[in-house]
Amino acid sequence: MNAPASVPTPLATPLPTSATGRRLFGTDGIRGTANRAPMDAATALRLGQAAGRIFNRGTHRHRVVIGKDTRLSGYMLEPALTAGFIGTGMDVVLVGPLPTPAIALLTRSLRADLGVMISASHNLYEDNGIKLFGPDGLKLSDAQELEIEALMAGDLTSGLAAPSKLGRASRMEDARGRYIEAVKQSFPRHLTLEGLRVVVDCAHGAAYKVAPTVLWELGAEVVAIGDAPDGFNINRGVGSTEPARLAELVRERRADLGIALDGDADRVVLVDEAGTIIDGDQILALIAESWHAQGRLRGGAVVATVMSNMGLERTLKSRGLGLLRTAVGDRYVGERMREAGCNLGGEQSGHLIMTDFGTTGDGLIGALQVLAVLVEENRPASEICRRFQPLPQRLVNIRFAGASPLEDAVVQREIAAHEARLGERGRVLIRASGTEPVIRVMAEAEDEALVKETVETLAEAIRAQIRAAA
């Protein structure tokens, strides 16, 4: 077993969430309001042309896999992207509604040059997004995204294929079955879910077919909600960001566990039999301790973001394990995992990356790892899923227009003063969102009153600067 990684001191200063100069790509692809730039058909067409030009290199026949969630606007963006790729000579394989991790898996399995997922994750149907995966099933690097943006800003006609070299589009009929089998392989073969009642909330999203099927084929009695998408209801009152209905149903049906996925099923939160919500930090702690006991945890550490609770860091340290923190975004978590040789990482929001099974976050596989522990220990979820007592943590989001208020000297001094005041008792994290014009103000400490005061004071200082600049 590798030696435990050292535990870093908590990060109080902001980390960059995107490369300087990127206009279209945020921390998780391109995202925006459907049928409005940049999430319109014209931009999607140019994106396909630019990405096709970059990845259509070499003498082999080039292929791109395109999947989507259940949003109405997917019917607009999918053909636009398809036209862009075909116009550069790439063949397109359409797989329909499938989770984001399925697209990463199929990109590798089919030896495609590129994978595309059309989804805005946990956002409501009015938004949509486009995520790109390389042939290794990994999200594209900052440098690759910048190269695509540069091409999109110029003349793309020189990269278009001759009439005889145009690509073709086909639909893959067994894509869903391939992913279902891959997910089932992550569950120990000597175990079964027979005798367990599981409620699964599919968020009316990409996993509405595959998630109930996987659980049923592994033996569980399955109660499914959020499994009737109509193009408009994705994430509306359901899913990992709205687990109240799931918690109510778990108690009502006396289920053993509730599973809440988001719109593209790359994240998960759980609900125990008492209806208590279990976030990504608790799930990471549970999987880490289980894998560590089995000798399966690599790198002697878990990778998480600056948002993860200090309680997670402390409980891992008590087991001789480290916590390596990154900027917010599962792409940054994955990059750090590869650098450190770790096979487990994730986010408090429920993104869980387990490189033994895939290259990107997979909510369903994460849930199965918890279910495996539940079966093996034969104890209720309320006992096995509460791995540590979280420190009080408070987060406020502040919208702004124009220049970032974090550049103001008064705001910077206020932040520094509160960092010094908390010292080793807690931490302050102030960062700009990578997907929208929002400043996120977070504080964490053992004293809940101190946390509240810190966040309120810093938030007001930032709002004052925004008002002064208006």
Protein backbone atom coordinates (compact mmCIF):
# COMPACT_ATOMS: atom_id res chain seq x y z
CA MET A 1 0.00 0.00 0.00
CA ASN A 2 1.21 3.49 -0.82
CA ALA A 3 2.21 5.76 2.02
CA PRO A 4 -0.49 8.17 3.12
CA ALA A 5 -0.35 11.53 1.45
CA SER A 6 0.19 14.53 3.64
CA VAL A 7 -2.88 16.52 4.61
CA PRO A 8 -2.63 20.08 3.28
CA THR A 9 -3.67 23.07 5.28
CA PRO A 10 -7.19 24.31 4.47
CA LEU A 11 -7.36 26.66 1.51
CA ALA A 12 -8.75 30.10 2.27
CA THR A 13 -7.76 31.94 -0.90
CA PRO A 14 -9.58 31.48 -4.21
CA LEU A 15 -8.34 29.00 -6.79
CA PRO A 16 -8.75 29.64 -10.52
CA THR A 17 -11.73 27.85 -12.02
CA SER A 18 -10.94 28.36 -15.69
CA ALA A 19 -8.13 29.32 -17.96
CA THR A 20 -7.67 33.02 -18.63
CA GLY A 21 -9.16 34.09 -21.92
CA ARG A 22 -11.86 31.45 -22.28
CA ARG A 23 -15.15 32.99 -23.37
CA LEU A 24 -17.33 29.98 -24.18
CA PHE A 25 -16.04 27.18 -21.97
CA GLY A 26 -16.61 27.26 -18.22
CA THR A 27 -15.62 24.71 -15.61
CA ASP A 28 -17.83 22.05 -17.22
CA GLY A 29 -18.11 22.71 -20.95
CA ILE A 30 -20.34 25.33 -22.53
CA ARG A 31 -23.62 26.23 -20.84
CA GLY A 32 -26.37 28.78 -21.32
CA THR A 33 -30.04 29.46 -22.07
CA ALA A 34 -31.37 27.22 -24.82
CA ASN A 35 -31.81 28.85 -28.25
CA ARG A 36 -29.79 31.86 -27.12
CA ALA A 37 -26.09 32.28 -27.89
CA PRO A 38 -23.93 30.46 -27.06
CA MET A 39 -26.44 27.64 -26.59
CA ASP A 40 -28.04 27.98 -30.03
CA ALA A 41 -27.92 25.92 -33.21
CA ALA A 42 -25.50 28.27 -34.97
CA THR A 43 -22.91 28.00 -32.18
CA ALA A 44 -23.38 24.24 -31.94
CA LEU A 45 -22.76 23.93 -35.69
CA ARG A 46 -19.53 25.94 -35.45
CA LEU A 47 -18.46 23.96 -32.38
CA GLY A 48 -18.88 20.73 -34.36
CA GLN A 49 -16.92 22.17 -37.25
CA ALA A 50 -14.09 23.44 -35.03
CA ALA A 51 -13.82 20.32 -32.85
CA GLY A 52 -14.12 18.12 -35.93
CA ARG A 53 -11.26 19.97 -37.57
CA ILE A 54 -9.04 19.43 -34.52
CA PHE A 55 -9.86 15.77 -33.94
CA ASN A 56 -10.10 14.75 -37.60
CA ARG A 57 -6.40 14.08 -37.88
CA GLY A 58 -4.63 11.01 -39.16
CA THR A 59 -5.61 8.56 -41.89
CA HIS A 60 -8.17 6.43 -40.01
CA ARG A 61 -11.92 6.86 -40.30
CA HIS A 62 -12.88 9.37 -37.61
CA ARG A 63 -15.83 8.96 -35.26
CA VAL A 64 -17.66 11.02 -32.64
CA VAL A 65 -20.22 9.77 -30.11
CA ILE A 66 -23.08 12.14 -29.25
CA GLY A 67 -25.41 11.63 -26.28
CA LYS A 68 -27.87 13.89 -24.51
CA ASP A 69 -30.25 14.17 -21.59
CA THR A 70 -34.01 14.71 -21.90
CA ARG A 71 -34.30 18.49 -22.44
CA LEU A 72 -36.44 19.68 -25.32
CA SER A 73 -33.54 21.74 -26.69
CA GLY A 74 -31.51 18.56 -27.19
CA TYR A 75 -33.54 18.03 -30.37
CA MET A 76 -32.14 21.33 -31.67
CA LEU A 77 -28.50 20.99 -30.57
CA GLU A 78 -27.99 17.34 -31.52
CA PRO A 79 -28.59 17.77 -35.29
CA ALA A 80 -26.62 21.03 -35.35
CA LEU A 81 -23.58 19.35 -33.81
CA THR A 82 -24.08 16.34 -36.09
CA ALA A 83 -24.06 18.57 -39.17
CA GLY A 84 -20.89 20.29 -37.99
CA PHE A 85 -19.01 17.03 -37.47
CA ILE A 86 -20.25 15.42 -40.69
CA GLY A 87 -19.15 18.52 -42.58
CA THR A 88 -15.57 17.96 -41.43
CA GLY A 89 -15.63 14.31 -42.49
CA MET A 90 -16.32 12.68 -39.14
CA ASP A 91 -18.82 9.85 -38.70
CA VAL A 92 -21.36 10.45 -35.93
CA VAL A 93 -22.78 7.78 -33.61
CA LEU A 94 -26.00 8.92 -31.92
CA VAL A 95 -26.93 7.14 -28.69
CA GLY A 96 -29.87 9.24 -27.44
CA PRO A 97 -30.57 9.95 -23.74
CA LEU A 98 -27.81 8.41 -21.61
CA PRO A 99 -25.84 9.55 -18.55
CA THR A 100 -22.68 11.58 -19.04
CA PRO A 101 -20.46 8.72 -17.76
CA ALA A 102 -21.99 6.46 -20.42
CA ILE A 103 -20.76 8.84 -23.14
CA ALA A 104 -17.24 8.79 -21.68
CA LEU A 105 -17.36 4.98 -21.54
CA LEU A 106 -18.69 4.57 -25.09
CA THR A 107 -16.13 7.02 -26.48
CA ARG A 108 -13.37 4.76 -25.21
CA SER A 109 -15.16 1.50 -26.03
CA LEU A 110 -15.84 2.50 -29.64
CA ARG A 111 -12.34 3.97 -30.00
CA ALA A 112 -13.93 7.22 -31.07
CA ASP A 113 -11.92 10.39 -31.50
CA LEU A 114 -14.38 12.49 -29.51
CA GLY A 115 -17.40 12.20 -27.23
CA VAL A 116 -20.11 14.85 -26.80
CA MET A 117 -22.72 15.11 -24.05
CA ILE A 118 -25.57 17.60 -24.48
CA SER A 119 -26.70 18.47 -20.96
CA ALA A 120 -26.88 21.28 -18.42
CA SER A 121 -26.53 18.80 -15.57
CA HIS A 122 -28.70 19.88 -12.59
CA ASN A 123 -30.11 23.03 -14.26
CA LEU A 124 -33.75 23.28 -15.32
CA TYR A 125 -34.88 22.61 -18.91
CA GLU A 126 -34.50 26.24 -20.03
CA ASP A 127 -30.72 25.78 -19.97
CA ASN A 128 -28.53 23.36 -21.85
CA GLY A 129 -24.84 22.64 -22.21
CA ILE A 130 -22.23 20.78 -24.24
CA LYS A 131 -19.41 18.73 -22.69
CA LEU A 132 -16.58 17.26 -24.77
CA PHE A 133 -14.53 14.13 -24.07
CA GLY A 134 -11.29 13.10 -25.74
CA PRO A 135 -10.58 9.57 -27.05
CA ASP A 136 -9.39 8.57 -23.57
CA GLY A 137 -12.82 9.39 -22.11
CA LEU A 138 -11.43 12.39 -20.23
CA LYS A 139 -12.82 15.92 -20.42
CA LEU A 140 -10.79 18.17 -22.66
CA SER A 141 -7.99 20.23 -21.19
CA ASP A 142 -8.01 24.03 -20.94
CA ALA A 143 -5.56 24.17 -23.85
CA GLN A 144 -7.79 22.06 -26.10
CA GLU A 145 -10.84 24.16 -25.26
CA LEU A 146 -8.91 27.34 -26.04
CA GLU A 147 -7.87 25.87 -29.39
CA ILE A 148 -11.50 25.11 -30.23
CA GLU A 149 -12.58 28.63 -29.22
CA ALA A 150 -9.87 30.18 -31.39
CA LEU A 151 -11.02 28.20 -34.42
CA MET A 152 -14.68 29.09 -33.80
CA ALA A 153 -13.77 32.78 -33.86
CA GLY A 154 -12.21 32.48 -37.32
CA ASP A 155 -13.03 31.20 -40.80
CA LEU A 156 -13.94 27.51 -40.65
CA THR A 157 -14.50 26.96 -44.38
CA SER A 158 -10.95 25.72 -44.99
CA GLY A 159 -11.56 22.77 -42.68
CA LEU A 160 -14.69 21.51 -44.40
CA ALA A 161 -14.57 18.15 -46.17
CA ALA A 162 -14.95 17.64 -49.91
CA PRO A 163 -18.37 16.25 -50.97
CA SER A 164 -16.93 12.75 -51.33
CA LYS A 165 -15.36 12.90 -47.85
CA LEU A 166 -18.44 13.86 -45.81
CA GLY A 167 -19.13 11.80 -42.72
CA ARG A 168 -22.20 9.66 -41.98
CA ALA A 169 -24.57 9.47 -39.03
CA SER A 170 -25.91 6.28 -37.47
CA ARG A 171 -27.84 5.38 -34.35
CA MET A 172 -26.41 2.85 -31.88
CA GLU A 173 -29.24 0.63 -30.68
CA ASP A 174 -27.46 -1.25 -27.87
CA ALA A 175 -25.75 1.73 -26.19
CA ARG A 176 -28.05 1.58 -23.15
CA GLY A 177 -27.37 -2.12 -22.61
CA ARG A 178 -23.61 -1.64 -22.83
CA TYR A 179 -23.68 0.98 -20.09
CA ILE A 180 -26.01 -1.07 -17.87
CA GLU A 181 -23.61 -4.02 -18.01
CA ALA A 182 -20.61 -1.81 -17.26
CA VAL A 183 -22.32 -0.35 -14.20
CA LYS A 184 -23.33 -3.78 -12.89
CA GLN A 185 -19.70 -4.92 -13.17
CA SER A 186 -18.79 -2.34 -10.50
CA PHE A 187 -20.92 -4.19 -7.91
CA PRO A 188 -19.21 -7.16 -6.18
CA ARG A 189 -20.24 -10.38 -7.91
CA HIS A 190 -20.71 -12.26 -4.63
CA LEU A 191 -23.31 -9.76 -3.40
CA THR A 192 -26.95 -9.17 -4.28
CA LEU A 193 -29.50 -6.47 -3.55
CA GLU A 194 -32.23 -9.01 -2.88
CA GLY A 195 -34.30 -8.09 0.15
CA LEU A 196 -33.57 -4.38 -0.16
CA ARG A 197 -36.12 -1.76 -1.12
CA VAL A 198 -34.52 1.18 -2.94
CA VAL A 199 -36.16 4.40 -4.07
CA VAL A 200 -34.37 5.99 -7.02
CA ASP A 201 -35.01 9.53 -8.23
CA CYS A 202 -33.89 9.88 -11.85
CA ALA A 203 -34.60 13.65 -12.03
CA HIS A 204 -36.62 13.06 -15.24
CA GLY A 205 -33.17 13.01 -16.80
CA ALA A 206 -30.70 10.88 -18.69
CA ALA A 207 -30.80 7.90 -16.30
CA TYR A 208 -34.58 7.47 -16.29
CA LYS A 209 -34.27 4.06 -17.97
CA VAL A 210 -30.86 2.76 -16.93
CA ALA A 211 -30.90 3.48 -13.17
CA PRO A 212 -34.06 1.50 -12.26
CA THR A 213 -32.95 -1.30 -14.60
CA VAL A 214 -29.52 -1.69 -12.97
CA LEU A 215 -30.97 -1.81 -9.46
CA TRP A 216 -33.70 -4.28 -10.46
CA GLU A 217 -31.26 -6.59 -12.28
CA LEU A 218 -29.07 -6.67 -9.17
CA GLY A 219 -32.06 -7.89 -7.16
CA ALA A 220 -33.51 -4.80 -5.45
CA GLU A 221 -37.16 -3.95 -5.10
CA VAL A 222 -37.17 -0.66 -6.97
CA VAL A 223 -39.45 2.33 -6.48
CA ALA A 224 -38.71 4.90 -9.19
CA ILE A 225 -39.63 8.57 -9.33
CA GLY A 226 -38.49 11.26 -11.76
CA ASP A 227 -38.65 8.62 -14.48
CA ALA A 228 -41.20 10.21 -16.84
CA PRO A 229 -39.39 12.98 -18.78
CA ASP A 230 -41.43 15.21 -21.06
CA GLY A 231 -38.73 17.62 -22.22
CA PHE A 232 -39.68 20.25 -19.65
CA ASN A 233 -39.60 18.58 -16.21
CA ILE A 234 -35.92 17.66 -15.87
CA ASN A 235 -34.67 18.53 -12.33
CA ARG A 236 -37.96 20.28 -11.52
CA GLY A 237 -38.76 19.38 -7.91
CA VAL A 238 -36.73 16.18 -8.24
CA GLY A 239 -33.12 15.04 -8.45
CA SER A 240 -29.99 15.54 -6.37
CA THR A 241 -30.63 19.25 -5.81
CA GLU A 242 -34.28 18.70 -4.77
CA PRO A 243 -34.29 15.54 -2.60
CA ALA A 244 -37.23 16.44 -0.33
CA ARG A 245 -39.77 14.31 -2.21
CA LEU A 246 -37.32 11.39 -2.25
CA ALA A 247 -36.81 11.63 1.52
CA GLU A 248 -40.57 11.67 2.06
CA LEU A 249 -41.07 8.62 -0.15
CA VAL A 250 -38.23 6.67 1.50
CA ARG A 251 -39.96 7.07 4.87
CA GLU A 252 -43.40 6.38 3.42
CA ARG A 253 -42.32 3.16 1.67
CA ARG A 254 -39.98 2.11 4.49
CA ALA A 255 -37.15 1.81 2.00
CA ASP A 256 -33.59 0.93 2.92
CA LEU A 257 -32.01 3.69 0.83
CA GLY A 258 -32.93 6.55 -1.46
CA ILE A 259 -30.79 7.51 -4.46
CA ALA A 260 -31.10 10.95 -6.08
CA LEU A 261 -29.32 11.52 -9.40
CA ASP A 262 -29.12 14.78 -11.32
CA GLY A 263 -30.14 15.47 -14.91
CA ASP A 264 -27.15 13.77 -16.51
CA ALA A 265 -26.55 11.29 -13.64
CA ASP A 266 -22.92 12.19 -13.01
CA ARG A 267 -23.70 13.13 -9.40
CA VAL A 268 -25.65 11.55 -6.55
CA VAL A 269 -26.90 12.29 -3.06
CA LEU A 270 -28.42 9.61 -0.86
CA VAL A 271 -31.20 9.44 1.71
CA ASP A 272 -31.08 6.98 4.62
CA GLU A 273 -34.09 5.03 5.91
CA ALA A 274 -34.97 7.87 8.30
CA GLY A 275 -35.08 10.42 5.47
CA THR A 276 -31.76 12.11 6.31
CA ILE A 277 -29.85 13.44 3.32
CA ILE A 278 -26.31 12.14 2.80
CA ASP A 279 -24.07 14.44 0.74
CA GLY A 280 -21.01 13.74 -1.37
CA ASP A 281 -18.54 14.29 1.49
CA GLN A 282 -20.14 11.56 3.61
CA ILE A 283 -20.25 9.21 0.61
CA LEU A 284 -16.56 9.87 -0.13
CA ALA A 285 -15.67 9.10 3.49
CA LEU A 286 -17.64 5.85 3.44
CA ILE A 287 -16.16 4.60 0.17
CA ALA A 288 -12.65 5.66 1.20
CA GLU A 289 -12.82 3.80 4.50
CA SER A 290 -14.30 0.70 2.86
CA TRP A 291 -11.74 0.61 0.06
CA HIS A 292 -8.88 1.36 2.48
CA ALA A 293 -9.89 -1.59 4.67
CA GLN A 294 -9.92 -3.82 1.58
CA GLY A 295 -6.56 -2.55 0.34
CA ARG A 296 -8.21 -1.04 -2.74
CA LEU A 297 -7.66 2.67 -2.09
CA ARG A 298 -4.69 3.97 -4.07
CA GLY A 299 -2.52 6.99 -3.45
CA GLY A 300 -3.14 7.06 0.31
CA ALA A 301 -5.56 9.93 -0.16
CA VAL A 302 -8.87 11.15 -1.50
CA VAL A 303 -9.13 14.12 -3.87
CA ALA A 304 -11.88 16.68 -3.20
CA THR A 305 -12.47 20.36 -3.84
CA VAL A 306 -12.09 23.45 -1.70
CA MET A 307 -15.81 23.17 -0.88
CA SER A 308 -15.54 19.84 0.97
CA ASN A 309 -16.16 20.01 4.70
CA MET A 310 -13.21 20.05 7.11
CA GLY A 311 -14.93 17.17 8.89
CA LEU A 312 -14.07 14.99 5.91
CA GLU A 313 -10.45 16.05 6.10
CA ARG A 314 -10.27 15.26 9.82
CA THR A 315 -11.91 11.84 9.58
CA LEU A 316 -9.59 10.80 6.75
CA LYS A 317 -6.59 12.01 8.72
CA SER A 318 -7.71 9.88 11.68
CA ARG A 319 -7.50 6.86 9.34
CA GLY A 320 -4.02 7.80 8.15
CA LEU A 321 -5.33 9.13 4.84
CA GLY A 322 -4.88 12.48 3.16
CA LEU A 323 -7.29 14.89 1.53
CA LEU A 324 -5.97 16.67 -1.58
CA ARG A 325 -8.00 19.75 -2.47
CA THR A 326 -8.56 21.23 -5.92
CA ALA A 327 -10.54 24.05 -7.53
CA VAL A 328 -14.26 23.43 -7.91
CA GLY A 329 -15.11 21.21 -10.89
CA ASP A 330 -14.91 17.47 -11.34
CA ARG A 331 -12.47 18.00 -14.23
CA TYR A 332 -9.93 19.45 -11.79
CA VAL A 333 -10.60 16.61 -9.36
CA GLY A 334 -9.87 14.09 -12.11
CA GLU A 335 -6.64 15.84 -13.13
CA ARG A 336 -5.36 15.86 -9.53
CA MET A 337 -6.28 12.19 -9.10
CA ARG A 338 -4.15 11.25 -12.08
CA GLU A 339 -1.25 13.36 -10.84
CA ALA A 340 -1.37 11.83 -7.33
CA GLY A 341 -2.16 8.26 -8.37
CA CYS A 342 -5.48 8.25 -6.51
CA ASN A 343 -8.51 6.22 -7.57
CA LEU A 344 -11.18 8.04 -5.53
CA GLY A 345 -12.23 11.68 -5.62
CA GLY A 346 -15.27 13.87 -5.80
CA GLU A 347 -17.25 16.88 -4.69
CA GLN A 348 -19.57 17.70 -1.84
CA SER A 349 -22.34 18.10 -4.43
CA GLY A 350 -22.13 14.39 -5.23
CA HIS A 351 -19.78 14.11 -8.19
CA LEU A 352 -17.86 10.90 -7.47
CA ILE A 353 -14.95 9.80 -9.66
CA MET A 354 -13.80 6.20 -9.23
CA THR A 355 -11.13 5.48 -11.82
CA ASP A 356 -11.37 1.73 -11.25
CA PHE A 357 -14.69 1.95 -13.10
CA GLY A 358 -14.67 5.06 -15.28
CA THR A 359 -13.05 8.34 -16.21
CA THR A 360 -15.66 10.82 -15.00
CA GLY A 361 -18.25 11.25 -12.28
CA ASP A 362 -20.86 8.48 -12.09
CA GLY A 363 -23.72 8.82 -9.60
CA LEU A 364 -25.10 5.33 -10.15
CA ILE A 365 -21.77 3.57 -9.61
CA GLY A 366 -21.20 5.68 -6.50
CA ALA A 367 -24.56 4.58 -5.10
CA LEU A 368 -23.70 0.94 -5.76
CA GLN A 369 -20.49 1.25 -3.73
CA VAL A 370 -22.56 2.42 -0.76
CA LEU A 371 -25.11 -0.34 -1.30
CA ALA A 372 -22.29 -2.90 -1.29
CA VAL A 373 -21.21 -1.74 2.19
CA LEU A 374 -24.82 -1.74 3.37
CA VAL A 375 -25.25 -5.36 2.23
CA GLU A 376 -21.91 -6.58 3.60
CA GLU A 377 -22.33 -4.99 7.03
CA ASN A 378 -26.08 -5.72 7.22
CA ARG A 379 -26.70 -2.45 9.05
CA PRO A 380 -29.09 0.40 8.22
CA ALA A 381 -27.92 3.29 6.08
CA SER A 382 -28.32 5.71 8.99
CA GLU A 383 -25.50 3.88 10.77
CA ILE A 384 -23.06 3.31 7.93
CA CYS A 385 -23.46 6.62 6.06
CA ARG A 386 -22.83 9.05 8.91
CA ARG A 387 -19.03 8.90 8.92
CA PHE A 388 -18.25 12.25 10.56
CA GLN A 389 -19.83 15.28 12.18
CA PRO A 390 -19.66 18.13 9.65
CA LEU A 391 -18.33 21.48 10.81
CA PRO A 392 -20.84 24.33 10.48
CA GLN A 393 -20.55 25.70 6.97
CA ARG A 394 -22.42 28.59 5.37
CA LEU A 395 -22.53 29.65 1.71
CA VAL A 396 -23.97 32.81 0.14
CA ASN A 397 -24.14 33.53 -3.60
CA ILE A 398 -23.89 37.13 -4.79
CA ARG A 399 -24.65 38.14 -8.38
CA PHE A 400 -22.70 40.96 -10.00
CA ALA A 401 -22.23 42.73 -13.34
CA GLY A 402 -19.05 44.18 -14.77
CA ALA A 403 -15.64 43.72 -13.16
CA SER A 404 -15.25 41.22 -10.33
CA PRO A 405 -15.74 42.85 -6.92
CA LEU A 406 -12.95 40.59 -5.62
CA GLU A 407 -10.43 42.89 -7.26
CA ASP A 408 -11.36 45.75 -4.91
CA ALA A 409 -8.68 46.54 -2.30
CA VAL A 410 -11.24 47.07 0.50
CA VAL A 411 -12.81 43.66 -0.18
CA GLN A 412 -9.39 42.02 -0.24
CA ARG A 413 -8.47 43.56 3.14
CA GLU A 414 -11.77 42.42 4.64
CA ILE A 415 -11.16 38.86 3.44
CA ALA A 416 -7.61 38.85 4.82
CA ALA A 417 -8.83 40.10 8.19
CA HIS A 418 -11.40 37.32 8.51
CA GLU A 419 -8.90 34.70 7.41
CA ALA A 420 -6.56 35.85 10.19
CA ARG A 421 -9.42 35.89 12.70
CA LEU A 422 -10.40 32.29 11.98
CA GLY A 423 -6.81 31.04 11.90
CA GLU A 424 -6.70 27.26 12.39
CA ARG A 425 -10.25 27.18 13.79
CA GLY A 426 -11.79 27.38 10.33
CA ARG A 427 -11.45 28.81 6.87
CA VAL A 428 -12.85 31.33 4.42
CA LEU A 429 -13.36 30.60 0.74
CA ILE A 430 -14.34 33.36 -1.66
CA ARG A 431 -14.48 32.47 -5.34
CA ALA A 432 -16.08 33.45 -8.60
CA SER A 433 -18.31 30.85 -10.24
CA GLY A 434 -16.94 29.31 -13.40
CA THR A 435 -20.37 29.11 -15.05
CA GLU A 436 -22.22 32.33 -14.13
CA PRO A 437 -21.52 35.92 -12.84
CA VAL A 438 -21.74 34.96 -9.19
CA ILE A 439 -19.38 35.35 -6.24
CA ARG A 440 -19.60 32.47 -3.76
CA VAL A 441 -18.85 33.39 -0.15
CA MET A 442 -18.24 30.44 2.16
CA ALA A 443 -16.98 30.15 5.74
CA GLU A 444 -16.50 27.12 7.92
CA ALA A 445 -15.55 26.78 11.59
CA GLU A 446 -16.44 24.94 14.78
CA ASP A 447 -18.41 27.94 16.05
CA GLU A 448 -21.65 28.28 14.08
CA ALA A 449 -22.25 31.87 15.24
CA LEU A 450 -18.78 32.86 14.06
CA VAL A 451 -19.46 31.26 10.67
CA LYS A 452 -22.70 33.19 10.27
CA GLU A 453 -21.09 36.49 11.26
CA THR A 454 -18.12 35.95 8.95
CA VAL A 455 -20.24 35.20 5.89
CA GLU A 456 -22.66 38.07 6.52
CA THR A 457 -19.85 40.59 7.01
CA LEU A 458 -17.94 39.50 3.91
CA ALA A 459 -21.09 39.34 1.81
CA GLU A 460 -22.02 42.89 2.79
CA ALA A 461 -18.52 44.14 1.96
CA ILE A 462 -18.79 42.59 -1.51
CA ARG A 463 -22.32 43.97 -2.06
CA ALA A 464 -21.13 47.43 -1.02
CA GLN A 465 -18.39 47.34 -3.63
CA ILE A 466 -20.90 46.19 -6.28
CA ARG A 467 -23.20 49.11 -5.39
CA ALA A 468 -20.32 51.58 -5.49
CA ALA A 469 -19.25 50.36 -8.94
CA ALA A 470 -22.77 50.49 -10.40
